[in-house]
């Protein structure tokens, strides 16, 4: 992941939802604490103002569309943000999920170019 660290799964409080991917991502994005409780785990998305606008399903393909502004603390946060979003969506869907931010693929939105 970013600068020698790794992603660690955490549990959130139960939520009511119509789409598990949307619920999982929105729960992640709504957390604006820098760390996760007393665990010492970093939330690389804590400064960002991003929301799930929709989740699109077509056959076996799932795409989560996000809107907003990512704010990161440095280049190490790029792979952290990517992993937090993709792994959260994949866990909720039980399959890989493509993610867009403001209409472009997540990888392009995270590019330093």
PDB file of N, CA and C in Angstrom:
ATOM      1  N   UNK A   1       0.834  -1.166   0.000  1.00  0.00           N
ATOM      2  CA  UNK A   1       0.000   0.000   0.000  1.00  0.00           C
ATOM      3  C   UNK A   1       0.886   1.238   0.000  1.00  0.00           C
ATOM      4  N   UNK A   2       0.686   2.177   0.903  1.00  0.00           N
ATOM      5  CA  UNK A   2       1.426   3.431   0.872  1.00  0.00           C
ATOM      6  C   UNK A   2       2.609   3.452   1.817  1.00  0.00           C
ATOM      7  N   UNK A   3       3.796   3.626   1.288  1.00  0.00           N
ATOM      8  CA  UNK A   3       5.015   3.828   2.078  1.00  0.00           C
ATOM      9  C   UNK A   3       5.248   2.745   3.129  1.00  0.00           C
ATOM     10  N   UNK A   4       5.047   1.497   2.751  1.00  0.00           N
ATOM     11  CA  UNK A   4       5.372   0.376   3.616  1.00  0.00           C
ATOM     12  C   UNK A   4       4.296  -0.047   4.591  1.00  0.00           C
ATOM     13  N   UNK A   5       3.111   0.523   4.516  1.00  0.00           N
ATOM     14  CA  UNK A   5       2.053   0.093   5.427  1.00  0.00           C
ATOM     15  C   UNK A   5       1.075  -0.820   4.688  1.00  0.00           C
ATOM     16  N   UNK A   6       0.027  -1.228   5.357  1.00  0.00           N
ATOM     17  CA  UNK A   6      -0.937  -2.144   4.748  1.00  0.00           C
ATOM     18  C   UNK A   6      -2.347  -1.789   5.173  1.00  0.00           C
ATOM     19  N   UNK A   7      -3.306  -2.289   4.422  1.00  0.00           N
ATOM     20  CA  UNK A   7      -4.716  -2.072   4.742  1.00  0.00           C
ATOM     21  C   UNK A   7      -5.157  -3.082   5.789  1.00  0.00           C
ATOM     22  N   UNK A   8      -5.972  -2.621   6.729  1.00  0.00           N
ATOM     23  CA  UNK A   8      -6.489  -3.474   7.795  1.00  0.00           C
ATOM     24  C   UNK A   8      -8.000  -3.294   7.849  1.00  0.00           C
ATOM     25  N   UNK A   9      -8.729  -4.387   7.806  1.00  0.00           N
ATOM     26  CA  UNK A   9     -10.197  -4.320   7.868  1.00  0.00           C
ATOM     27  C   UNK A   9     -10.644  -3.941   9.274  1.00  0.00           C
ATOM     28  N   UNK A  10     -11.666  -3.102   9.344  1.00  0.00           N
ATOM     29  CA  UNK A  10     -12.288  -2.745  10.618  1.00  0.00           C
ATOM     30  C   UNK A  10     -13.791  -2.898  10.463  1.00  0.00           C
ATOM     31  N   UNK A  11     -14.485  -3.056  11.568  1.00  0.00           N
ATOM     32  CA  UNK A  11     -15.937  -3.185  11.548  1.00  0.00           C
ATOM     33  C   UNK A  11     -16.561  -1.863  11.939  1.00  0.00           C
ATOM     34  N   UNK A  12     -17.688  -1.562  11.310  1.00  0.00           N
ATOM     35  CA  UNK A  12     -18.426  -0.349  11.659  1.00  0.00           C
ATOM     36  C   UNK A  12     -19.734  -0.760  12.316  1.00  0.00           C
ATOM     37  N   UNK A  13     -20.414   0.219  12.840  1.00  0.00           N
ATOM     38  CA  UNK A  13     -21.729  -0.042  13.425  1.00  0.00           C
ATOM     39  C   UNK A  13     -22.671  -0.491  12.301  1.00  0.00           C
ATOM     40  N   UNK A  14     -23.654  -1.316  12.618  1.00  0.00           N
ATOM     41  CA  UNK A  14     -24.607  -1.751  11.594  1.00  0.00           C
ATOM     42  C   UNK A  14     -25.343  -0.554  10.994  1.00  0.00           C
ATOM     43  N   UNK A  15     -25.590  -0.618   9.681  1.00  0.00           N
ATOM     44  CA  UNK A  15     -26.340   0.431   8.996  1.00  0.00           C
ATOM     45  C   UNK A  15     -27.446  -0.204   8.166  1.00  0.00           C
ATOM     46  N   UNK A  16     -28.521   0.543   7.968  1.00  0.00           N
ATOM     47  CA  UNK A  16     -29.603   0.095   7.102  1.00  0.00           C
ATOM     48  C   UNK A  16     -29.304   0.626   5.705  1.00  0.00           C
ATOM     49  N   UNK A  17     -29.471  -0.208   4.696  1.00  0.00           N
ATOM     50  CA  UNK A  17     -29.107   0.200   3.341  1.00  0.00           C
ATOM     51  C   UNK A  17     -29.952  -0.524   2.308  1.00  0.00           C
ATOM     52  N   UNK A  18     -29.987   0.067   1.124  1.00  0.00           N
ATOM     53  CA  UNK A  18     -30.593  -0.618  -0.011  1.00  0.00           C
ATOM     54  C   UNK A  18     -29.509  -1.205  -0.897  1.00  0.00           C
ATOM     55  N   UNK A  19     -28.305  -0.637  -0.846  1.00  0.00           N
ATOM     56  CA  UNK A  19     -27.173  -1.158  -1.609  1.00  0.00           C
ATOM     57  C   UNK A  19     -25.970  -1.263  -0.673  1.00  0.00           C
ATOM     58  N   UNK A  20     -25.419  -2.460  -0.491  1.00  0.00           N
ATOM     59  CA  UNK A  20     -24.311  -2.622   0.457  1.00  0.00           C
ATOM     60  C   UNK A  20     -23.049  -1.860   0.060  1.00  0.00           C
ATOM     61  N   UNK A  21     -22.789  -1.718  -1.226  1.00  0.00           N
ATOM     62  CA  UNK A  21     -21.596  -0.985  -1.674  1.00  0.00           C
ATOM     63  C   UNK A  21     -21.738   0.489  -1.321  1.00  0.00           C
ATOM     64  N   UNK A  22     -22.896   1.054  -1.615  1.00  0.00           N
ATOM     65  CA  UNK A  22     -23.123   2.456  -1.302  1.00  0.00           C
ATOM     66  C   UNK A  22     -23.030   2.691   0.205  1.00  0.00           C
ATOM     67  N   UNK A  23     -23.624   1.828   0.992  1.00  0.00           N
ATOM     68  CA  UNK A  23     -23.594   1.982   2.445  1.00  0.00           C
ATOM     69  C   UNK A  23     -22.173   1.888   2.982  1.00  0.00           C
ATOM     70  N   UNK A  24     -21.409   0.913   2.525  1.00  0.00           N
ATOM     71  CA  UNK A  24     -20.037   0.732   3.021  1.00  0.00           C
ATOM     72  C   UNK A  24     -19.154   1.921   2.655  1.00  0.00           C
ATOM     73  N   UNK A  25     -19.245   2.350   1.390  1.00  0.00           N
ATOM     74  CA  UNK A  25     -18.426   3.484   0.973  1.00  0.00           C
ATOM     75  C   UNK A  25     -18.836   4.764   1.689  1.00  0.00           C
ATOM     76  N   UNK A  26     -20.131   4.994   1.828  1.00  0.00           N
ATOM     77  CA  UNK A  26     -20.567   6.230   2.480  1.00  0.00           C
ATOM     78  C   UNK A  26     -20.177   6.243   3.951  1.00  0.00           C
ATOM     79  N   UNK A  27     -20.227   5.074   4.608  1.00  0.00           N
ATOM     80  CA  UNK A  27     -19.778   4.979   6.000  1.00  0.00           C
ATOM     81  C   UNK A  27     -18.301   5.342   6.097  1.00  0.00           C
ATOM     82  N   UNK A  28     -17.497   4.832   5.176  1.00  0.00           N
ATOM     83  CA  UNK A  28     -16.068   5.161   5.138  1.00  0.00           C
ATOM     84  C   UNK A  28     -15.868   6.657   4.899  1.00  0.00           C
ATOM     85  N   UNK A  29     -16.575   7.207   3.929  1.00  0.00           N
ATOM     86  CA  UNK A  29     -16.395   8.606   3.547  1.00  0.00           C
ATOM     87  C   UNK A  29     -16.937   9.587   4.590  1.00  0.00           C
ATOM     88  N   UNK A  30     -17.901   9.149   5.375  1.00  0.00           N
ATOM     89  CA  UNK A  30     -18.475  10.013   6.412  1.00  0.00           C
ATOM     90  C   UNK A  30     -17.595  10.127   7.653  1.00  0.00           C
ATOM     91  N   UNK A  31     -16.582   9.283   7.758  1.00  0.00           N
ATOM     92  CA  UNK A  31     -15.699   9.302   8.923  1.00  0.00           C
ATOM     93  C   UNK A  31     -14.605  10.354   8.695  1.00  0.00           C
ATOM     94  N   UNK A  32     -14.662  11.444   9.424  1.00  0.00           N
ATOM     95  CA  UNK A  32     -13.682  12.510   9.262  1.00  0.00           C
ATOM     96  C   UNK A  32     -12.692  12.568  10.419  1.00  0.00           C
ATOM     97  N   UNK A  33     -12.488  11.415  11.054  1.00  0.00           N
ATOM     98  CA  UNK A  33     -11.454  11.305  12.088  1.00  0.00           C
ATOM     99  C   UNK A  33     -10.173  10.824  11.433  1.00  0.00           C
ATOM    100  N   UNK A  34      -9.053  11.390  11.832  1.00  0.00           N
ATOM    101  CA  UNK A  34      -7.769  11.021  11.237  1.00  0.00           C
ATOM    102  C   UNK A  34      -7.386   9.573  11.541  1.00  0.00           C
ATOM    103  N   UNK A  35      -7.747   9.107  12.735  1.00  0.00           N
ATOM    104  CA  UNK A  35      -7.445   7.724  13.083  1.00  0.00           C
ATOM    105  C   UNK A  35      -8.736   7.009  13.453  1.00  0.00           C
ATOM    106  N   UNK A  36      -8.678   5.689  13.403  1.00  0.00           N
ATOM    107  CA  UNK A  36      -9.859   4.879  13.685  1.00  0.00           C
ATOM    108  C   UNK A  36      -9.854   4.504  15.161  1.00  0.00           C
ATOM    109  N   UNK A  37     -10.634   5.231  15.944  1.00  0.00           N
ATOM    110  CA  UNK A  37     -10.712   4.963  17.383  1.00  0.00           C
ATOM    111  C   UNK A  37      -9.346   5.030  18.040  1.00  0.00           C
ATOM    112  N   UNK A  38      -9.107   4.113  18.974  1.00  0.00           N
ATOM    113  CA  UNK A  38      -7.837   4.048  19.683  1.00  0.00           C
ATOM    114  C   UNK A  38      -6.860   3.078  19.032  1.00  0.00           C
ATOM    115  N   UNK A  39      -7.213   2.588  17.839  1.00  0.00           N
ATOM    116  CA  UNK A  39      -6.420   1.548  17.182  1.00  0.00           C
ATOM    117  C   UNK A  39      -5.093   2.040  16.627  1.00  0.00           C
ATOM    118  N   UNK A  40      -4.995   3.330  16.357  1.00  0.00           N
ATOM    119  CA  UNK A  40      -3.799   3.849  15.716  1.00  0.00           C
ATOM    120  C   UNK A  40      -3.839   3.709  14.205  1.00  0.00           C
ATOM    121  N   UNK A  41      -4.920   3.141  13.674  1.00  0.00           N
ATOM    122  CA  UNK A  41      -5.048   2.987  12.223  1.00  0.00           C
ATOM    123  C   UNK A  41      -5.399   4.328  11.600  1.00  0.00           C
ATOM    124  N   UNK A  42      -4.764   4.645  10.471  1.00  0.00           N
ATOM    125  CA  UNK A  42      -4.943   5.916   9.787  1.00  0.00           C
ATOM    126  C   UNK A  42      -6.096   5.865   8.799  1.00  0.00           C
ATOM    127  N   UNK A  43      -6.906   6.902   8.783  1.00  0.00           N
ATOM    128  CA  UNK A  43      -7.956   7.084   7.786  1.00  0.00           C
ATOM    129  C   UNK A  43      -7.438   8.120   6.792  1.00  0.00           C
ATOM    130  N   UNK A  44      -6.948   7.679   5.650  1.00  0.00           N
ATOM    131  CA  UNK A  44      -6.356   8.575   4.657  1.00  0.00           C
ATOM    132  C   UNK A  44      -7.399   9.486   4.012  1.00  0.00           C
ATOM    133  N   UNK A  45      -8.674   9.203   4.206  1.00  0.00           N
ATOM    134  CA  UNK A  45      -9.747  10.005   3.610  1.00  0.00           C
ATOM    135  C   UNK A  45     -10.315  11.053   4.559  1.00  0.00           C
ATOM    136  N   UNK A  46      -9.755  11.203   5.726  1.00  0.00           N
ATOM    137  CA  UNK A  46     -10.358  12.020   6.776  1.00  0.00           C
ATOM    138  C   UNK A  46     -10.577  13.475   6.397  1.00  0.00           C
ATOM    139  N   UNK A  47      -9.729  14.042   5.541  1.00  0.00           N
ATOM    140  CA  UNK A  47      -9.859  15.452   5.156  1.00  0.00           C
ATOM    141  C   UNK A  47     -10.705  15.660   3.906  1.00  0.00           C
ATOM    142  N   UNK A  48     -11.070  14.587   3.251  1.00  0.00           N
ATOM    143  CA  UNK A  48     -11.765  14.665   1.967  1.00  0.00           C
ATOM    144  C   UNK A  48     -13.257  14.933   2.135  1.00  0.00           C
ATOM    145  N   UNK A  49     -13.820  15.577   1.135  1.00  0.00           N
ATOM    146  CA  UNK A  49     -15.264  15.839   1.082  1.00  0.00           C
ATOM    147  C   UNK A  49     -15.806  15.104  -0.138  1.00  0.00           C
ATOM    148  N   UNK A  50     -16.066  13.813   0.036  1.00  0.00           N
ATOM    149  CA  UNK A  50     -16.489  12.945  -1.066  1.00  0.00           C
ATOM    150  C   UNK A  50     -17.755  12.210  -0.642  1.00  0.00           C
ATOM    151  N   UNK A  51     -18.653  12.006  -1.608  1.00  0.00           N
ATOM    152  CA  UNK A  51     -19.904  11.285  -1.349  1.00  0.00           C
ATOM    153  C   UNK A  51     -20.162  10.307  -2.488  1.00  0.00           C
ATOM    154  N   UNK A  52     -20.955   9.299  -2.199  1.00  0.00           N
ATOM    155  CA  UNK A  52     -21.370   8.335  -3.221  1.00  0.00           C
ATOM    156  C   UNK A  52     -22.590   8.914  -3.926  1.00  0.00           C
ATOM    157  N   UNK A  53     -22.468   9.140  -5.238  1.00  0.00           N
ATOM    158  CA  UNK A  53     -23.621   9.661  -5.973  1.00  0.00           C
ATOM    159  C   UNK A  53     -24.506   8.531  -6.482  1.00  0.00           C
ATOM    160  N   UNK A  54     -23.899   7.386  -6.848  1.00  0.00           N
ATOM    161  CA  UNK A  54     -24.689   6.237  -7.287  1.00  0.00           C
ATOM    162  C   UNK A  54     -23.807   5.000  -7.375  1.00  0.00           C
ATOM    163  N   UNK A  55     -24.470   3.839  -7.397  1.00  0.00           N
ATOM    164  CA  UNK A  55     -23.803   2.569  -7.652  1.00  0.00           C
ATOM    165  C   UNK A  55     -24.545   1.941  -8.820  1.00  0.00           C
ATOM    166  N   UNK A  56     -23.809   1.645  -9.866  1.00  0.00           N
ATOM    167  CA  UNK A  56     -24.386   1.110 -11.099  1.00  0.00           C
ATOM    168  C   UNK A  56     -24.016  -0.364 -11.240  1.00  0.00           C
ATOM    169  N   UNK A  57     -25.014  -1.180 -11.531  1.00  0.00           N
ATOM    170  CA  UNK A  57     -24.799  -2.613 -11.731  1.00  0.00           C
ATOM    171  C   UNK A  57     -25.265  -2.993 -13.127  1.00  0.00           C
ATOM    172  N   UNK A  58     -24.393  -3.677 -13.845  1.00  0.00           N
ATOM    173  CA  UNK A  58     -24.712  -4.132 -15.196  1.00  0.00           C
ATOM    174  C   UNK A  58     -24.117  -5.523 -15.359  1.00  0.00           C
ATOM    175  N   UNK A  59     -24.971  -6.546 -15.317  1.00  0.00           N
ATOM    176  CA  UNK A  59     -24.466  -7.917 -15.347  1.00  0.00           C
ATOM    177  C   UNK A  59     -23.638  -8.175 -14.100  1.00  0.00           C
ATOM    178  N   UNK A  60     -22.391  -8.588 -14.285  1.00  0.00           N
ATOM    179  CA  UNK A  60     -21.507  -8.832 -13.146  1.00  0.00           C
ATOM    180  C   UNK A  60     -20.633  -7.622 -12.829  1.00  0.00           C
ATOM    181  N   UNK A  61     -20.773  -6.558 -13.594  1.00  0.00           N
ATOM    182  CA  UNK A  61     -19.968  -5.353 -13.420  1.00  0.00           C
ATOM    183  C   UNK A  61     -20.635  -4.398 -12.426  1.00  0.00           C
ATOM    184  N   UNK A  62     -19.841  -3.871 -11.494  1.00  0.00           N
ATOM    185  CA  UNK A  62     -20.335  -2.910 -10.502  1.00  0.00           C
ATOM    186  C   UNK A  62     -19.420  -1.683 -10.543  1.00  0.00           C
ATOM    187  N   UNK A  63     -20.028  -0.513 -10.649  1.00  0.00           N
ATOM    188  CA  UNK A  63     -19.270   0.731 -10.624  1.00  0.00           C
ATOM    189  C   UNK A  63     -19.884   1.664  -9.597  1.00  0.00           C
ATOM    190  N   UNK A  64     -19.036   2.177  -8.706  1.00  0.00           N
ATOM    191  CA  UNK A  64     -19.467   3.170  -7.722  1.00  0.00           C
ATOM    192  C   UNK A  64     -19.006   4.535  -8.217  1.00  0.00           C
ATOM    193  N   UNK A  65     -19.952   5.468  -8.308  1.00  0.00           N
ATOM    194  CA  UNK A  65     -19.657   6.821  -8.775  1.00  0.00           C
ATOM    195  C   UNK A  65     -19.606   7.759  -7.579  1.00  0.00           C
ATOM    196  N   UNK A  66     -18.444   8.373  -7.381  1.00  0.00           N
ATOM    197  CA  UNK A  66     -18.232   9.302  -6.276  1.00  0.00           C
ATOM    198  C   UNK A  66     -18.083  10.720  -6.811  1.00  0.00           C
ATOM    199  N   UNK A  67     -18.457  11.690  -5.994  1.00  0.00           N
ATOM    200  CA  UNK A  67     -18.253  13.089  -6.345  1.00  0.00           C
ATOM    201  C   UNK A  67     -17.634  13.800  -5.146  1.00  0.00           C
ATOM    202  N   UNK A  68     -16.906  14.850  -5.437  1.00  0.00           N
ATOM    203  CA  UNK A  68     -16.330  15.635  -4.359  1.00  0.00           C
ATOM    204  C   UNK A  68     -14.854  15.894  -4.559  1.00  0.00           C
ATOM    205  N   UNK A  69     -14.204  16.221  -3.455  1.00  0.00           N
ATOM    206  CA  UNK A  69     -12.797  16.615  -3.485  1.00  0.00           C
ATOM    207  C   UNK A  69     -11.985  15.753  -2.537  1.00  0.00           C
ATOM    208  N   UNK A  70     -10.944  15.133  -3.084  1.00  0.00           N
ATOM    209  CA  UNK A  70     -10.004  14.378  -2.257  1.00  0.00           C
ATOM    210  C   UNK A  70      -8.936  15.326  -1.739  1.00  0.00           C
ATOM    211  N   UNK A  71      -8.626  15.219  -0.453  1.00  0.00           N
ATOM    212  CA  UNK A  71      -7.531  15.973   0.153  1.00  0.00           C
ATOM    213  C   UNK A  71      -6.623  14.943   0.806  1.00  0.00           C
ATOM    214  N   UNK A  72      -5.371  14.933   0.354  1.00  0.00           N
ATOM    215  CA  UNK A  72      -4.439  13.944   0.878  1.00  0.00           C
ATOM    216  C   UNK A  72      -3.243  14.629   1.516  1.00  0.00           C
ATOM    217  N   UNK A  73      -2.616  13.919   2.440  1.00  0.00           N
ATOM    218  CA  UNK A  73      -1.500  14.475   3.189  1.00  0.00           C
ATOM    219  C   UNK A  73      -0.150  14.258   2.539  1.00  0.00           C
ATOM    220  N   UNK A  74      -0.090  13.763   1.326  1.00  0.00           N
ATOM    221  CA  UNK A  74       1.172  13.515   0.647  1.00  0.00           C
ATOM    222  C   UNK A  74       1.038  12.335  -0.289  1.00  0.00           C
ATOM    223  N   UNK A  75       2.113  12.046  -1.002  1.00  0.00           N
ATOM    224  CA  UNK A  75       2.037  10.994  -2.018  1.00  0.00           C
ATOM    225  C   UNK A  75       1.831   9.602  -1.423  1.00  0.00           C
ATOM    226  N   UNK A  76       2.179   9.384  -0.176  1.00  0.00           N
ATOM    227  CA  UNK A  76       1.917   8.086   0.465  1.00  0.00           C
ATOM    228  C   UNK A  76       0.421   7.841   0.635  1.00  0.00           C
ATOM    229  N   UNK A  77      -0.370   8.912   0.684  1.00  0.00           N
ATOM    230  CA  UNK A  77      -1.813   8.754   0.831  1.00  0.00           C
ATOM    231  C   UNK A  77      -2.495   8.288  -0.447  1.00  0.00           C
ATOM    232  N   UNK A  78      -1.861   8.454  -1.595  1.00  0.00           N
ATOM    233  CA  UNK A  78      -2.488   8.032  -2.852  1.00  0.00           C
ATOM    234  C   UNK A  78      -2.812   6.541  -2.828  1.00  0.00           C
ATOM    235  N   UNK A  79      -1.847   5.648  -2.574  1.00  0.00           N
ATOM    236  CA  UNK A  79      -2.202   4.228  -2.523  1.00  0.00           C
ATOM    237  C   UNK A  79      -3.087   3.882  -1.324  1.00  0.00           C
ATOM    238  N   UNK A  80      -2.997   4.648  -0.257  1.00  0.00           N
ATOM    239  CA  UNK A  80      -3.860   4.411   0.902  1.00  0.00           C
ATOM    240  C   UNK A  80      -5.316   4.697   0.563  1.00  0.00           C
ATOM    241  N   UNK A  81      -5.560   5.841  -0.052  1.00  0.00           N
ATOM    242  CA  UNK A  81      -6.925   6.211  -0.453  1.00  0.00           C
ATOM    243  C   UNK A  81      -7.469   5.184  -1.437  1.00  0.00           C
ATOM    244  N   UNK A  82      -6.664   4.826  -2.421  1.00  0.00           N
ATOM    245  CA  UNK A  82      -7.097   3.843  -3.417  1.00  0.00           C
ATOM    246  C   UNK A  82      -7.464   2.516  -2.759  1.00  0.00           C
ATOM    247  N   UNK A  83      -6.615   2.039  -1.871  1.00  0.00           N
ATOM    248  CA  UNK A  83      -6.872   0.763  -1.195  1.00  0.00           C
ATOM    249  C   UNK A  83      -8.095   0.856  -0.298  1.00  0.00           C
ATOM    250  N   UNK A  84      -8.229   1.929   0.469  1.00  0.00           N
ATOM    251  CA  UNK A  84      -9.387   2.051   1.360  1.00  0.00           C
ATOM    252  C   UNK A  84     -10.690   2.023   0.568  1.00  0.00           C
ATOM    253  N   UNK A  85     -10.738   2.742  -0.541  1.00  0.00           N
ATOM    254  CA  UNK A  85     -11.963   2.767  -1.350  1.00  0.00           C
ATOM    255  C   UNK A  85     -12.225   1.431  -2.030  1.00  0.00           C
ATOM    256  N   UNK A  86     -11.216   0.905  -2.727  1.00  0.00           N
ATOM    257  CA  UNK A  86     -11.418  -0.332  -3.492  1.00  0.00           C
ATOM    258  C   UNK A  86     -11.680  -1.535  -2.593  1.00  0.00           C
ATOM    259  N   UNK A  87     -10.949  -1.659  -1.501  1.00  0.00           N
ATOM    260  CA  UNK A  87     -11.142  -2.807  -0.613  1.00  0.00           C
ATOM    261  C   UNK A  87     -12.473  -2.733   0.131  1.00  0.00           C
ATOM    262  N   UNK A  88     -12.893  -1.531   0.511  1.00  0.00           N
ATOM    263  CA  UNK A  88     -14.194  -1.368   1.170  1.00  0.00           C
ATOM    264  C   UNK A  88     -15.313  -1.780   0.220  1.00  0.00           C
ATOM    265  N   UNK A  89     -15.252  -1.285  -1.012  1.00  0.00           N
ATOM    266  CA  UNK A  89     -16.287  -1.617  -2.005  1.00  0.00           C
ATOM    267  C   UNK A  89     -16.290  -3.108  -2.330  1.00  0.00           C
ATOM    268  N   UNK A  90     -15.104  -3.691  -2.492  1.00  0.00           N
ATOM    269  CA  UNK A  90     -15.000  -5.118  -2.820  1.00  0.00           C
ATOM    270  C   UNK A  90     -15.561  -5.981  -1.688  1.00  0.00           C
ATOM    271  N   UNK A  91     -15.248  -5.633  -0.452  1.00  0.00           N
ATOM    272  CA  UNK A  91     -15.752  -6.396   0.693  1.00  0.00           C
ATOM    273  C   UNK A  91     -17.282  -6.347   0.736  1.00  0.00           C
ATOM    274  N   UNK A  92     -17.851  -5.176   0.473  1.00  0.00           N
ATOM    275  CA  UNK A  92     -19.304  -5.026   0.515  1.00  0.00           C
ATOM    276  C   UNK A  92     -19.989  -5.748  -0.640  1.00  0.00           C
ATOM    277  N   UNK A  93     -19.354  -5.749  -1.807  1.00  0.00           N
ATOM    278  CA  UNK A  93     -19.963  -6.354  -3.003  1.00  0.00           C
ATOM    279  C   UNK A  93     -19.690  -7.841  -3.111  1.00  0.00           C
ATOM    280  N   UNK A  94     -18.594  -8.284  -2.508  1.00  0.00           N
ATOM    281  CA  UNK A  94     -18.178  -9.673  -2.684  1.00  0.00           C
ATOM    282  C   UNK A  94     -17.527  -9.892  -4.037  1.00  0.00           C
ATOM    283  N   UNK A  95     -17.171  -8.804  -4.706  1.00  0.00           N
ATOM    284  CA  UNK A  95     -16.537  -8.850  -6.027  1.00  0.00           C
ATOM    285  C   UNK A  95     -15.860  -7.503  -6.258  1.00  0.00           C
ATOM    286  N   UNK A  96     -14.925  -7.443  -7.209  1.00  0.00           N
ATOM    287  CA  UNK A  96     -14.283  -6.156  -7.501  1.00  0.00           C
ATOM    288  C   UNK A  96     -15.301  -5.106  -7.958  1.00  0.00           C
ATOM    289  N   UNK A  97     -15.047  -3.864  -7.570  1.00  0.00           N
ATOM    290  CA  UNK A  97     -15.909  -2.743  -7.920  1.00  0.00           C
ATOM    291  C   UNK A  97     -15.041  -1.664  -8.562  1.00  0.00           C
ATOM    292  N   UNK A  98     -15.447  -1.174  -9.730  1.00  0.00           N
ATOM    293  CA  UNK A  98     -14.773  -0.036 -10.350  1.00  0.00           C
ATOM    294  C   UNK A  98     -15.284   1.224  -9.654  1.00  0.00           C
ATOM    295  N   UNK A  99     -14.406   2.207  -9.501  1.00  0.00           N
ATOM    296  CA  UNK A  99     -14.799   3.443  -8.833  1.00  0.00           C
ATOM    297  C   UNK A  99     -14.415   4.628  -9.713  1.00  0.00           C
ATOM    298  N   UNK A 100     -15.352   5.567  -9.838  1.00  0.00           N
ATOM    299  CA  UNK A 100     -15.056   6.823 -10.522  1.00  0.00           C
ATOM    300  C   UNK A 100     -15.175   7.953  -9.515  1.00  0.00           C
ATOM    301  N   UNK A 101     -14.429   9.021  -9.773  1.00  0.00           N
ATOM    302  CA  UNK A 101     -14.526  10.233  -8.963  1.00  0.00           C
ATOM    303  C   UNK A 101     -14.715  11.392  -9.918  1.00  0.00           C
ATOM    304  N   UNK A 102     -15.830  12.071  -9.784  1.00  0.00           N
ATOM    305  CA  UNK A 102     -16.166  13.199 -10.653  1.00  0.00           C
ATOM    306  C   UNK A 102     -16.096  12.811 -12.137  1.00  0.00           C
ATOM    307  N   UNK A 103     -16.548  11.601 -12.446  1.00  0.00           N
ATOM    308  CA  UNK A 103     -16.643  11.150 -13.827  1.00  0.00           C
ATOM    309  C   UNK A 103     -15.396  10.534 -14.423  1.00  0.00           C
ATOM    310  N   UNK A 104     -14.314  10.480 -13.686  1.00  0.00           N
ATOM    311  CA  UNK A 104     -13.106   9.843 -14.215  1.00  0.00           C
ATOM    312  C   UNK A 104     -12.716   8.653 -13.351  1.00  0.00           C
ATOM    313  N   UNK A 105     -12.017   7.682 -13.951  1.00  0.00           N
ATOM    314  CA  UNK A 105     -11.605   6.508 -13.163  1.00  0.00           C
ATOM    315  C   UNK A 105     -10.794   6.936 -11.941  1.00  0.00           C
ATOM    316  N   UNK A 106     -10.937   6.191 -10.846  1.00  0.00           N
ATOM    317  CA  UNK A 106     -10.241   6.519  -9.611  1.00  0.00           C
ATOM    318  C   UNK A 106      -8.744   6.679  -9.832  1.00  0.00           C
ATOM    319  N   UNK A 107      -8.136   5.782 -10.616  1.00  0.00           N
ATOM    320  CA  UNK A 107      -6.686   5.859 -10.845  1.00  0.00           C
ATOM    321  C   UNK A 107      -6.300   7.186 -11.484  1.00  0.00           C
ATOM    322  N   UNK A 108      -7.117   7.702 -12.407  1.00  0.00           N
ATOM    323  CA  UNK A 108      -6.834   8.997 -13.037  1.00  0.00           C
ATOM    324  C   UNK A 108      -7.031  10.127 -12.033  1.00  0.00           C
ATOM    325  N   UNK A 109      -8.052  10.030 -11.187  1.00  0.00           N
ATOM    326  CA  UNK A 109      -8.304  11.064 -10.187  1.00  0.00           C
ATOM    327  C   UNK A 109      -7.175  11.133  -9.159  1.00  0.00           C
ATOM    328  N   UNK A 110      -6.510  10.016  -8.921  1.00  0.00           N
ATOM    329  CA  UNK A 110      -5.425   9.962  -7.944  1.00  0.00           C
ATOM    330  C   UNK A 110      -4.056  10.243  -8.552  1.00  0.00           C
ATOM    331  N   UNK A 111      -4.002  10.366  -9.866  1.00  0.00           N
ATOM    332  CA  UNK A 111      -2.731  10.571 -10.547  1.00  0.00           C
ATOM    333  C   UNK A 111      -2.125  11.911 -10.171  1.00  0.00           C
ATOM    334  N   UNK A 112      -0.811  11.933 -10.022  1.00  0.00           N
ATOM    335  CA  UNK A 112      -0.112  13.174  -9.724  1.00  0.00           C
ATOM    336  C   UNK A 112       0.132  13.997 -10.978  1.00  0.00           C
ATOM    337  N   UNK A 113      -0.213  13.444 -12.136  1.00  0.00           N
ATOM    338  CA  UNK A 113       0.035  14.148 -13.408  1.00  0.00           C
ATOM    339  C   UNK A 113      -0.980  15.241 -13.623  1.00  0.00           C
TER     340      UNK A 113
END
